[in-house]
Amino acid sequence: MTSASSPTKTAFDGIRIAVGVGGLLALVVGVVILVWPDKSAMVVAAIVAVYAIVAGLVYAAIGGLSKTKGGWARIGHVLLGLVFIAAGVIAFANLGQTAVWLGAFLGILVGVLWIVEGVVALSTLSGTGSKVWSALFAIVSILAGVVLLFAPLWGAMVLWLLMGISLVVLGVINVVRAFAFGRSRG
């Protein structure tokens, strides 16, 4: 009986640790976003810049080292790699501006998506059971999208702070869950 309960206990301990560590990471990231919203946005911009440079190196290597691709495919990969590398270097040189640009881009993207979602919701009113709630959702979605289009940086900042708040709340909940997980199994 102990041999059967030992793997079960080990599995529960592993789950508890994973939930607890995930909760602590979410809590820390959430606090960092709330305390240093500008700096944390610049860290995200730096991660995007690193990705661009690494992807550029990979594309350039594919073009430069490939023996099976034709000449134009190899040249295309090398050129694409150079564009990615240049974009990453430019992003690193201007992390603050890159963070602002990414925030504006995401604000506009979310605004457009909310408008489209609202229009789709309006177009499907006849097929829904609750026309009032669907119409209300559509109107709020379209209005929120229009607000984001006119103030994308403000919208991105609000969304960024909401993400920080969400991470703090969910992190605390997961840490509590980790301590409580499996207690009744004894």
N, C-alpha and C. Protein backbone atom coordinates (compact mmCIF):
# COMPACT_ATOMS: atom_id res chain seq x y z
N MET A 1 0.82 -1.19 0.00
CA MET A 1 0.00 0.00 0.00
C MET A 1 0.86 1.26 0.00
N THR A 2 1.98 1.23 0.68
CA THR A 2 2.86 2.39 0.67
C THR A 2 3.49 2.60 -0.71
N SER A 3 3.76 1.50 -1.43
CA SER A 3 4.36 1.69 -2.75
C SER A 3 3.38 2.33 -3.71
N ALA A 4 2.07 2.07 -3.57
CA ALA A 4 1.07 2.70 -4.44
C ALA A 4 0.84 4.16 -4.04
N SER A 5 0.89 4.43 -2.74
CA SER A 5 0.66 5.80 -2.31
C SER A 5 1.88 6.68 -2.52
N SER A 6 3.06 6.10 -2.55
CA SER A 6 4.27 6.89 -2.75
C SER A 6 4.31 7.56 -4.13
N PRO A 7 4.02 6.83 -5.22
CA PRO A 7 3.98 7.52 -6.52
C PRO A 7 2.87 8.57 -6.59
N THR A 8 1.74 8.28 -5.94
CA THR A 8 0.65 9.24 -5.92
C THR A 8 1.07 10.50 -5.18
N LYS A 9 1.72 10.30 -4.02
CA LYS A 9 2.18 11.45 -3.25
C LYS A 9 3.23 12.24 -4.04
N THR A 10 4.12 11.54 -4.72
CA THR A 10 5.14 12.20 -5.53
C THR A 10 4.48 13.01 -6.65
N ALA A 11 3.46 12.45 -7.28
CA ALA A 11 2.76 13.17 -8.34
C ALA A 11 2.07 14.41 -7.79
N PHE A 12 1.40 14.26 -6.64
CA PHE A 12 0.73 15.41 -6.04
C PHE A 12 1.75 16.48 -5.62
N ASP A 13 2.88 16.05 -5.08
CA ASP A 13 3.92 17.02 -4.70
C ASP A 13 4.45 17.75 -5.93
N GLY A 14 4.62 17.03 -7.04
CA GLY A 14 5.08 17.66 -8.28
C GLY A 14 4.09 18.70 -8.79
N ILE A 15 2.80 18.34 -8.72
CA ILE A 15 1.77 19.28 -9.15
C ILE A 15 1.74 20.49 -8.24
N ARG A 16 1.83 20.26 -6.94
CA ARG A 16 1.84 21.38 -5.99
C ARG A 16 3.00 22.32 -6.26
N ILE A 17 4.18 21.75 -6.49
CA ILE A 17 5.36 22.57 -6.75
C ILE A 17 5.18 23.36 -8.05
N ALA A 18 4.67 22.71 -9.09
CA ALA A 18 4.47 23.39 -10.38
C ALA A 18 3.46 24.53 -10.24
N VAL A 19 2.36 24.27 -9.55
CA VAL A 19 1.34 25.31 -9.36
C VAL A 19 1.91 26.45 -8.52
N GLY A 20 2.65 26.10 -7.47
CA GLY A 20 3.24 27.13 -6.60
C GLY A 20 4.28 27.97 -7.31
N VAL A 21 5.17 27.34 -8.06
CA VAL A 21 6.21 28.09 -8.79
C VAL A 21 5.56 28.95 -9.87
N GLY A 22 4.57 28.39 -10.57
CA GLY A 22 3.85 29.20 -11.57
C GLY A 22 3.16 30.39 -10.93
N GLY A 23 2.57 30.17 -9.78
CA GLY A 23 1.92 31.26 -9.06
C GLY A 23 2.90 32.33 -8.62
N LEU A 24 4.05 31.90 -8.09
CA LEU A 24 5.06 32.87 -7.67
C LEU A 24 5.60 33.67 -8.86
N LEU A 25 5.84 32.99 -9.99
CA LEU A 25 6.31 33.70 -11.18
C LEU A 25 5.27 34.71 -11.66
N ALA A 26 4.00 34.31 -11.69
CA ALA A 26 2.94 35.23 -12.11
C ALA A 26 2.87 36.41 -11.16
N LEU A 27 2.98 36.15 -9.87
CA LEU A 27 2.94 37.21 -8.87
C LEU A 27 4.09 38.19 -9.07
N VAL A 28 5.29 37.68 -9.26
CA VAL A 28 6.46 38.54 -9.43
C VAL A 28 6.34 39.37 -10.71
N VAL A 29 5.96 38.72 -11.82
CA VAL A 29 5.82 39.45 -13.09
C VAL A 29 4.72 40.50 -12.96
N GLY A 30 3.62 40.16 -12.32
CA GLY A 30 2.54 41.12 -12.13
C GLY A 30 2.97 42.32 -11.32
N VAL A 31 3.71 42.08 -10.24
CA VAL A 31 4.19 43.19 -9.41
C VAL A 31 5.17 44.06 -10.21
N VAL A 32 6.05 43.42 -10.97
CA VAL A 32 7.00 44.17 -11.79
C VAL A 32 6.26 45.06 -12.79
N ILE A 33 5.23 44.52 -13.44
CA ILE A 33 4.44 45.30 -14.40
C ILE A 33 3.78 46.49 -13.70
N LEU A 34 3.23 46.27 -12.51
CA LEU A 34 2.53 47.34 -11.81
C LEU A 34 3.48 48.39 -11.24
N VAL A 35 4.66 47.96 -10.76
CA VAL A 35 5.59 48.90 -10.15
C VAL A 35 6.41 49.65 -11.21
N TRP A 36 6.83 48.94 -12.26
CA TRP A 36 7.64 49.53 -13.33
C TRP A 36 7.01 49.24 -14.70
N PRO A 37 5.86 49.86 -14.98
CA PRO A 37 5.20 49.54 -16.25
C PRO A 37 6.07 49.89 -17.47
N ASP A 38 6.76 51.02 -17.42
CA ASP A 38 7.59 51.42 -18.56
C ASP A 38 8.77 50.48 -18.75
N LYS A 39 9.46 50.18 -17.65
CA LYS A 39 10.63 49.31 -17.72
C LYS A 39 10.25 47.90 -18.15
N SER A 40 9.12 47.39 -17.63
CA SER A 40 8.71 46.04 -18.00
C SER A 40 8.29 45.99 -19.47
N ALA A 41 7.70 47.06 -19.98
CA ALA A 41 7.37 47.11 -21.41
C ALA A 41 8.65 47.14 -22.25
N MET A 42 9.67 47.80 -21.74
CA MET A 42 10.95 47.81 -22.46
C MET A 42 11.60 46.43 -22.44
N VAL A 43 11.39 45.65 -21.38
CA VAL A 43 11.89 44.28 -21.35
C VAL A 43 11.21 43.45 -22.44
N VAL A 44 9.90 43.64 -22.59
CA VAL A 44 9.18 42.93 -23.65
C VAL A 44 9.73 43.36 -25.01
N ALA A 45 9.98 44.64 -25.18
CA ALA A 45 10.57 45.12 -26.44
C ALA A 45 11.94 44.49 -26.67
N ALA A 46 12.72 44.34 -25.61
CA ALA A 46 14.04 43.72 -25.73
C ALA A 46 13.90 42.25 -26.13
N ILE A 47 12.90 41.57 -25.57
CA ILE A 47 12.68 40.16 -25.94
C ILE A 47 12.32 40.05 -27.42
N VAL A 48 11.48 40.96 -27.90
CA VAL A 48 11.13 40.97 -29.33
C VAL A 48 12.38 41.25 -30.16
N ALA A 49 13.24 42.16 -29.71
CA ALA A 49 14.47 42.47 -30.44
C ALA A 49 15.40 41.27 -30.49
N VAL A 50 15.54 40.57 -29.37
CA VAL A 50 16.37 39.36 -29.34
C VAL A 50 15.81 38.33 -30.30
N TYR A 51 14.49 38.15 -30.27
CA TYR A 51 13.86 37.20 -31.19
C TYR A 51 14.18 37.57 -32.64
N ALA A 52 14.07 38.85 -32.98
CA ALA A 52 14.33 39.28 -34.36
C ALA A 52 15.77 38.98 -34.76
N ILE A 53 16.71 39.22 -33.87
CA ILE A 53 18.12 38.97 -34.18
C ILE A 53 18.38 37.48 -34.34
N VAL A 54 17.84 36.67 -33.43
CA VAL A 54 18.05 35.22 -33.52
C VAL A 54 17.39 34.67 -34.78
N ALA A 55 16.15 35.11 -35.06
CA ALA A 55 15.48 34.65 -36.28
C ALA A 55 16.26 35.08 -37.51
N GLY A 56 16.81 36.29 -37.48
CA GLY A 56 17.61 36.76 -38.60
C GLY A 56 18.85 35.92 -38.81
N LEU A 57 19.51 35.57 -37.73
CA LEU A 57 20.69 34.71 -37.84
C LEU A 57 20.32 33.35 -38.41
N VAL A 58 19.17 32.81 -37.98
CA VAL A 58 18.72 31.51 -38.48
C VAL A 58 18.42 31.60 -39.98
N TYR A 59 17.68 32.63 -40.39
CA TYR A 59 17.37 32.79 -41.81
C TYR A 59 18.64 32.96 -42.64
N ALA A 60 19.56 33.78 -42.15
CA ALA A 60 20.81 33.99 -42.88
C ALA A 60 21.60 32.69 -42.98
N ALA A 61 21.62 31.91 -41.91
CA ALA A 61 22.33 30.63 -41.92
C ALA A 61 21.67 29.66 -42.89
N ILE A 62 20.33 29.63 -42.91
CA ILE A 62 19.62 28.75 -43.85
C ILE A 62 20.02 29.12 -45.29
N GLY A 63 20.04 30.41 -45.58
CA GLY A 63 20.41 30.85 -46.92
C GLY A 63 21.87 30.60 -47.25
N GLY A 64 22.71 30.84 -46.29
CA GLY A 64 24.15 30.71 -46.54
C GLY A 64 24.66 29.29 -46.54
N LEU A 65 24.02 28.42 -45.76
CA LEU A 65 24.56 27.07 -45.59
C LEU A 65 23.78 26.00 -46.35
N SER A 66 22.63 26.35 -46.91
CA SER A 66 21.80 25.35 -47.58
C SER A 66 22.45 24.88 -48.87
N LYS A 67 22.48 23.58 -49.03
CA LYS A 67 23.02 22.99 -50.25
C LYS A 67 21.90 22.58 -51.20
N THR A 68 20.67 22.47 -50.68
CA THR A 68 19.56 21.98 -51.49
C THR A 68 18.72 23.09 -52.11
N LYS A 69 18.77 24.29 -51.59
CA LYS A 69 17.96 25.39 -52.11
C LYS A 69 18.64 26.03 -53.32
N GLY A 70 17.80 26.58 -54.19
CA GLY A 70 18.31 27.28 -55.36
C GLY A 70 18.90 28.62 -54.98
N GLY A 71 19.51 29.29 -55.97
CA GLY A 71 20.19 30.56 -55.71
C GLY A 71 19.28 31.65 -55.19
N TRP A 72 18.08 31.81 -55.79
CA TRP A 72 17.17 32.86 -55.36
C TRP A 72 16.61 32.57 -53.97
N ALA A 73 16.35 31.32 -53.67
CA ALA A 73 15.85 30.98 -52.32
C ALA A 73 16.91 31.27 -51.28
N ARG A 74 18.15 30.96 -51.61
CA ARG A 74 19.25 31.24 -50.67
C ARG A 74 19.42 32.75 -50.48
N ILE A 75 19.39 33.50 -51.56
CA ILE A 75 19.52 34.96 -51.47
C ILE A 75 18.35 35.53 -50.67
N GLY A 76 17.14 35.03 -50.92
CA GLY A 76 15.96 35.50 -50.19
C GLY A 76 16.08 35.25 -48.70
N HIS A 77 16.56 34.08 -48.32
CA HIS A 77 16.74 33.78 -46.89
C HIS A 77 17.79 34.69 -46.27
N VAL A 78 18.88 34.91 -46.97
CA VAL A 78 19.94 35.78 -46.44
C VAL A 78 19.41 37.21 -46.29
N LEU A 79 18.70 37.72 -47.31
CA LEU A 79 18.16 39.08 -47.23
C LEU A 79 17.13 39.20 -46.11
N LEU A 80 16.25 38.20 -45.99
CA LEU A 80 15.28 38.21 -44.89
C LEU A 80 16.00 38.20 -43.55
N GLY A 81 17.04 37.40 -43.45
CA GLY A 81 17.83 37.36 -42.22
C GLY A 81 18.43 38.71 -41.89
N LEU A 82 18.95 39.39 -42.90
CA LEU A 82 19.55 40.71 -42.68
C LEU A 82 18.50 41.73 -42.25
N VAL A 83 17.30 41.64 -42.82
CA VAL A 83 16.22 42.56 -42.42
C VAL A 83 15.84 42.31 -40.96
N PHE A 84 15.72 41.04 -40.57
CA PHE A 84 15.39 40.71 -39.18
C PHE A 84 16.48 41.21 -38.24
N ILE A 85 17.74 40.99 -38.61
CA ILE A 85 18.85 41.43 -37.76
C ILE A 85 18.84 42.96 -37.63
N ALA A 86 18.65 43.65 -38.74
CA ALA A 86 18.61 45.12 -38.70
C ALA A 86 17.46 45.60 -37.82
N ALA A 87 16.30 44.97 -37.95
CA ALA A 87 15.15 45.36 -37.11
C ALA A 87 15.45 45.13 -35.63
N GLY A 88 16.08 44.02 -35.31
CA GLY A 88 16.43 43.74 -33.92
C GLY A 88 17.43 44.73 -33.37
N VAL A 89 18.43 45.09 -34.16
CA VAL A 89 19.45 46.05 -33.72
C VAL A 89 18.81 47.43 -33.52
N ILE A 90 17.97 47.84 -34.47
CA ILE A 90 17.28 49.14 -34.34
C ILE A 90 16.39 49.14 -33.10
N ALA A 91 15.68 48.02 -32.87
CA ALA A 91 14.82 47.93 -31.68
C ALA A 91 15.65 48.04 -30.41
N PHE A 92 16.80 47.38 -30.37
CA PHE A 92 17.67 47.46 -29.18
C PHE A 92 18.20 48.87 -28.98
N ALA A 93 18.51 49.55 -30.06
CA ALA A 93 19.07 50.90 -29.94
C ALA A 93 18.06 51.89 -29.40
N ASN A 94 16.76 51.58 -29.55
CA ASN A 94 15.70 52.49 -29.13
C ASN A 94 14.63 51.72 -28.36
N LEU A 95 14.99 51.09 -27.26
CA LEU A 95 14.04 50.24 -26.54
C LEU A 95 12.79 51.00 -26.08
N GLY A 96 12.97 52.23 -25.64
CA GLY A 96 11.81 53.02 -25.20
C GLY A 96 10.85 53.27 -26.34
N GLN A 97 11.38 53.70 -27.48
CA GLN A 97 10.54 53.95 -28.64
C GLN A 97 9.93 52.65 -29.17
N THR A 98 10.69 51.57 -29.12
CA THR A 98 10.17 50.28 -29.57
C THR A 98 9.00 49.85 -28.69
N ALA A 99 9.12 50.05 -27.39
CA ALA A 99 8.02 49.70 -26.47
C ALA A 99 6.78 50.53 -26.79
N VAL A 100 6.97 51.83 -27.06
CA VAL A 100 5.84 52.70 -27.41
C VAL A 100 5.22 52.22 -28.72
N TRP A 101 6.05 51.91 -29.71
CA TRP A 101 5.55 51.45 -31.00
C TRP A 101 4.78 50.14 -30.83
N LEU A 102 5.34 49.20 -30.07
CA LEU A 102 4.64 47.93 -29.84
C LEU A 102 3.32 48.15 -29.12
N GLY A 103 3.31 49.08 -28.14
CA GLY A 103 2.06 49.38 -27.44
C GLY A 103 1.02 49.96 -28.37
N ALA A 104 1.43 50.90 -29.23
CA ALA A 104 0.50 51.49 -30.19
C ALA A 104 -0.01 50.44 -31.17
N PHE A 105 0.89 49.61 -31.65
CA PHE A 105 0.51 48.54 -32.58
C PHE A 105 -0.50 47.60 -31.95
N LEU A 106 -0.23 47.16 -30.72
CA LEU A 106 -1.15 46.26 -30.04
C LEU A 106 -2.48 46.95 -29.73
N GLY A 107 -2.44 48.22 -29.36
CA GLY A 107 -3.67 48.96 -29.11
C GLY A 107 -4.53 49.04 -30.37
N ILE A 108 -3.91 49.34 -31.50
CA ILE A 108 -4.64 49.40 -32.77
C ILE A 108 -5.16 48.03 -33.15
N LEU A 109 -4.32 47.02 -33.00
CA LEU A 109 -4.73 45.65 -33.33
C LEU A 109 -5.94 45.21 -32.51
N VAL A 110 -5.89 45.41 -31.21
CA VAL A 110 -7.01 45.04 -30.35
C VAL A 110 -8.24 45.87 -30.70
N GLY A 111 -8.06 47.15 -30.99
CA GLY A 111 -9.19 47.99 -31.39
C GLY A 111 -9.87 47.48 -32.64
N VAL A 112 -9.09 47.15 -33.65
CA VAL A 112 -9.65 46.61 -34.89
C VAL A 112 -10.36 45.27 -34.62
N LEU A 113 -9.73 44.42 -33.83
CA LEU A 113 -10.34 43.12 -33.52
C LEU A 113 -11.66 43.29 -32.77
N TRP A 114 -11.73 44.23 -31.84
CA TRP A 114 -12.98 44.45 -31.10
C TRP A 114 -14.07 44.99 -32.03
N ILE A 115 -13.70 45.87 -32.96
CA ILE A 115 -14.69 46.38 -33.91
C ILE A 115 -15.21 45.24 -34.78
N VAL A 116 -14.31 44.43 -35.30
CA VAL A 116 -14.72 43.30 -36.14
C VAL A 116 -15.59 42.34 -35.34
N GLU A 117 -15.19 42.06 -34.10
CA GLU A 117 -15.98 41.17 -33.24
C GLU A 117 -17.39 41.73 -33.02
N GLY A 118 -17.49 43.03 -32.81
CA GLY A 118 -18.79 43.66 -32.62
C GLY A 118 -19.65 43.59 -33.87
N VAL A 119 -19.04 43.83 -35.03
CA VAL A 119 -19.78 43.76 -36.29
C VAL A 119 -20.26 42.33 -36.54
N VAL A 120 -19.40 41.36 -36.27
CA VAL A 120 -19.81 39.95 -36.44
C VAL A 120 -20.95 39.63 -35.48
N ALA A 121 -20.86 40.10 -34.24
CA ALA A 121 -21.93 39.85 -33.28
C ALA A 121 -23.25 40.47 -33.77
N LEU A 122 -23.18 41.66 -34.34
CA LEU A 122 -24.39 42.29 -34.89
C LEU A 122 -24.96 41.50 -36.06
N SER A 123 -24.05 40.96 -36.88
CA SER A 123 -24.51 40.23 -38.06
C SER A 123 -25.11 38.88 -37.72
N THR A 124 -24.87 38.39 -36.52
CA THR A 124 -25.41 37.08 -36.13
C THR A 124 -26.54 37.20 -35.11
N LEU A 125 -27.12 38.38 -34.98
CA LEU A 125 -28.19 38.58 -34.00
C LEU A 125 -29.37 37.65 -34.24
N SER A 126 -29.71 37.40 -35.48
CA SER A 126 -30.90 36.59 -35.75
C SER A 126 -30.73 35.14 -35.31
N GLY A 127 -29.50 34.66 -35.23
CA GLY A 127 -29.27 33.27 -34.85
C GLY A 127 -29.05 33.06 -33.37
N THR A 128 -29.10 34.10 -32.57
CA THR A 128 -28.80 33.95 -31.15
C THR A 128 -30.08 33.91 -30.33
N GLY A 129 -30.00 33.26 -29.19
CA GLY A 129 -31.15 33.17 -28.30
C GLY A 129 -31.39 34.45 -27.54
N SER A 130 -30.32 35.16 -27.21
CA SER A 130 -30.45 36.38 -26.42
C SER A 130 -30.01 37.57 -27.27
N LYS A 131 -30.96 38.15 -27.98
CA LYS A 131 -30.64 39.26 -28.88
C LYS A 131 -30.20 40.50 -28.13
N VAL A 132 -30.81 40.75 -26.97
CA VAL A 132 -30.47 41.96 -26.20
C VAL A 132 -29.01 41.89 -25.75
N TRP A 133 -28.59 40.75 -25.17
CA TRP A 133 -27.22 40.63 -24.68
C TRP A 133 -26.22 40.64 -25.84
N SER A 134 -26.59 40.01 -26.94
CA SER A 134 -25.70 40.00 -28.11
C SER A 134 -25.56 41.40 -28.68
N ALA A 135 -26.67 42.15 -28.76
CA ALA A 135 -26.61 43.52 -29.27
C ALA A 135 -25.79 44.40 -28.32
N LEU A 136 -25.99 44.24 -27.02
CA LEU A 136 -25.22 45.01 -26.04
C LEU A 136 -23.73 44.70 -26.16
N PHE A 137 -23.41 43.41 -26.29
CA PHE A 137 -22.01 43.01 -26.47
C PHE A 137 -21.43 43.66 -27.73
N ALA A 138 -22.19 43.61 -28.82
CA ALA A 138 -21.71 44.17 -30.09
C ALA A 138 -21.45 45.67 -29.96
N ILE A 139 -22.37 46.38 -29.36
CA ILE A 139 -22.23 47.84 -29.22
C ILE A 139 -21.03 48.19 -28.34
N VAL A 140 -20.90 47.51 -27.21
CA VAL A 140 -19.76 47.78 -26.31
C VAL A 140 -18.45 47.42 -27.01
N SER A 141 -18.43 46.32 -27.73
CA SER A 141 -17.22 45.90 -28.43
C SER A 141 -16.82 46.93 -29.49
N ILE A 142 -17.78 47.39 -30.26
CA ILE A 142 -17.48 48.39 -31.31
C ILE A 142 -17.02 49.70 -30.67
N LEU A 143 -17.70 50.16 -29.63
CA LEU A 143 -17.30 51.41 -28.97
C LEU A 143 -15.91 51.30 -28.35
N ALA A 144 -15.63 50.17 -27.69
CA ALA A 144 -14.30 49.98 -27.10
C ALA A 144 -13.24 49.95 -28.19
N GLY A 145 -13.54 49.32 -29.31
CA GLY A 145 -12.60 49.29 -30.42
C GLY A 145 -12.32 50.66 -30.99
N VAL A 146 -13.36 51.48 -31.13
CA VAL A 146 -13.18 52.84 -31.64
C VAL A 146 -12.34 53.67 -30.66
N VAL A 147 -12.60 53.51 -29.36
CA VAL A 147 -11.80 54.23 -28.36
C VAL A 147 -10.34 53.84 -28.49
N LEU A 148 -10.07 52.54 -28.65
CA LEU A 148 -8.67 52.10 -28.79
C LEU A 148 -8.04 52.63 -30.07
N LEU A 149 -8.80 52.75 -31.14
CA LEU A 149 -8.23 53.28 -32.37
C LEU A 149 -7.85 54.75 -32.22
N PHE A 150 -8.62 55.50 -31.44
CA PHE A 150 -8.31 56.92 -31.25
C PHE A 150 -7.28 57.16 -30.16
N ALA A 151 -7.09 56.20 -29.28
CA ALA A 151 -6.10 56.33 -28.20
C ALA A 151 -5.41 54.99 -27.98
N PRO A 152 -4.65 54.51 -28.97
CA PRO A 152 -4.06 53.17 -28.85
C PRO A 152 -3.03 53.04 -27.73
N LEU A 153 -2.25 54.09 -27.47
CA LEU A 153 -1.26 53.99 -26.39
C LEU A 153 -1.94 53.96 -25.03
N TRP A 154 -2.96 54.77 -24.86
CA TRP A 154 -3.72 54.76 -23.61
C TRP A 154 -4.33 53.37 -23.41
N GLY A 155 -4.93 52.83 -24.46
CA GLY A 155 -5.55 51.52 -24.37
C GLY A 155 -4.54 50.43 -24.06
N ALA A 156 -3.39 50.50 -24.72
CA ALA A 156 -2.35 49.50 -24.47
C ALA A 156 -1.85 49.61 -23.03
N MET A 157 -1.73 50.83 -22.52
CA MET A 157 -1.28 51.02 -21.14
C MET A 157 -2.30 50.44 -20.16
N VAL A 158 -3.59 50.69 -20.41
CA VAL A 158 -4.63 50.14 -19.54
C VAL A 158 -4.61 48.62 -19.59
N LEU A 159 -4.49 48.06 -20.80
CA LEU A 159 -4.44 46.60 -20.94
C LEU A 159 -3.20 46.03 -20.24
N TRP A 160 -2.07 46.73 -20.33
CA TRP A 160 -0.83 46.30 -19.68
C TRP A 160 -1.01 46.26 -18.16
N LEU A 161 -1.62 47.33 -17.62
CA LEU A 161 -1.85 47.37 -16.17
C LEU A 161 -2.87 46.32 -15.74
N LEU A 162 -3.90 46.10 -16.55
CA LEU A 162 -4.87 45.04 -16.23
C LEU A 162 -4.20 43.67 -16.24
N MET A 163 -3.26 43.48 -17.15
CA MET A 163 -2.53 42.21 -17.15
C MET A 163 -1.70 42.08 -15.88
N GLY A 164 -1.07 43.17 -15.44
CA GLY A 164 -0.31 43.12 -14.20
C GLY A 164 -1.19 42.79 -13.01
N ILE A 165 -2.36 43.42 -12.93
CA ILE A 165 -3.30 43.14 -11.84
C ILE A 165 -3.75 41.68 -11.90
N SER A 166 -4.07 41.22 -13.10
CA SER A 166 -4.51 39.83 -13.27
C SER A 166 -3.43 38.85 -12.84
N LEU A 167 -2.20 39.13 -13.22
CA LEU A 167 -1.10 38.23 -12.84
C LEU A 167 -0.91 38.19 -11.33
N VAL A 168 -1.04 39.35 -10.67
CA VAL A 168 -0.91 39.37 -9.20
C VAL A 168 -2.02 38.53 -8.57
N VAL A 169 -3.26 38.77 -9.00
CA VAL A 169 -4.40 38.04 -8.42
C VAL A 169 -4.29 36.55 -8.68
N LEU A 170 -4.02 36.18 -9.93
CA LEU A 170 -3.91 34.75 -10.27
C LEU A 170 -2.70 34.12 -9.61
N GLY A 171 -1.62 34.88 -9.48
CA GLY A 171 -0.44 34.34 -8.79
C GLY A 171 -0.72 34.04 -7.34
N VAL A 172 -1.38 34.95 -6.64
CA VAL A 172 -1.74 34.71 -5.23
C VAL A 172 -2.67 33.50 -5.12
N ILE A 173 -3.64 33.41 -6.02
CA ILE A 173 -4.58 32.28 -5.98
C ILE A 173 -3.83 30.97 -6.20
N ASN A 174 -2.90 30.94 -7.15
CA ASN A 174 -2.16 29.70 -7.40
C ASN A 174 -1.23 29.33 -6.25
N VAL A 175 -0.64 30.32 -5.59
CA VAL A 175 0.21 30.01 -4.42
C VAL A 175 -0.66 29.40 -3.32
N VAL A 176 -1.83 29.97 -3.08
CA VAL A 176 -2.75 29.42 -2.08
C VAL A 176 -3.18 28.02 -2.49
N ARG A 177 -3.49 27.83 -3.77
CA ARG A 177 -3.87 26.49 -4.26
C ARG A 177 -2.75 25.49 -4.04
N ALA A 178 -1.50 25.92 -4.25
CA ALA A 178 -0.37 25.01 -4.08
C ALA A 178 -0.27 24.53 -2.65
N PHE A 179 -0.51 25.42 -1.69
CA PHE A 179 -0.45 25.01 -0.29
C PHE A 179 -1.63 24.11 0.08
N ALA A 180 -2.78 24.35 -0.55
CA ALA A 180 -3.98 23.59 -0.21
C ALA A 180 -4.12 22.31 -1.01
N PHE A 181 -3.40 22.20 -2.14
CA PHE A 181 -3.56 21.07 -3.04
C PHE A 181 -3.22 19.73 -2.39
N GLY A 182 -4.11 18.80 -2.45
CA GLY A 182 -3.86 17.46 -1.95
C GLY A 182 -3.92 17.30 -0.45
N ARG A 183 -4.29 18.34 0.31
CA ARG A 183 -4.33 18.24 1.76
C ARG A 183 -5.36 17.21 2.23
N SER A 184 -6.49 17.16 1.54
CA SER A 184 -7.53 16.24 1.97
C SER A 184 -7.17 14.80 1.68
N ARG A 185 -6.15 14.55 0.86
CA ARG A 185 -5.71 13.20 0.53
C ARG A 185 -4.92 12.60 1.69
N GLY A 186 -4.34 13.48 2.53
CA GLY A 186 -3.63 13.07 3.71
C GLY A 186 -2.59 12.10 3.47
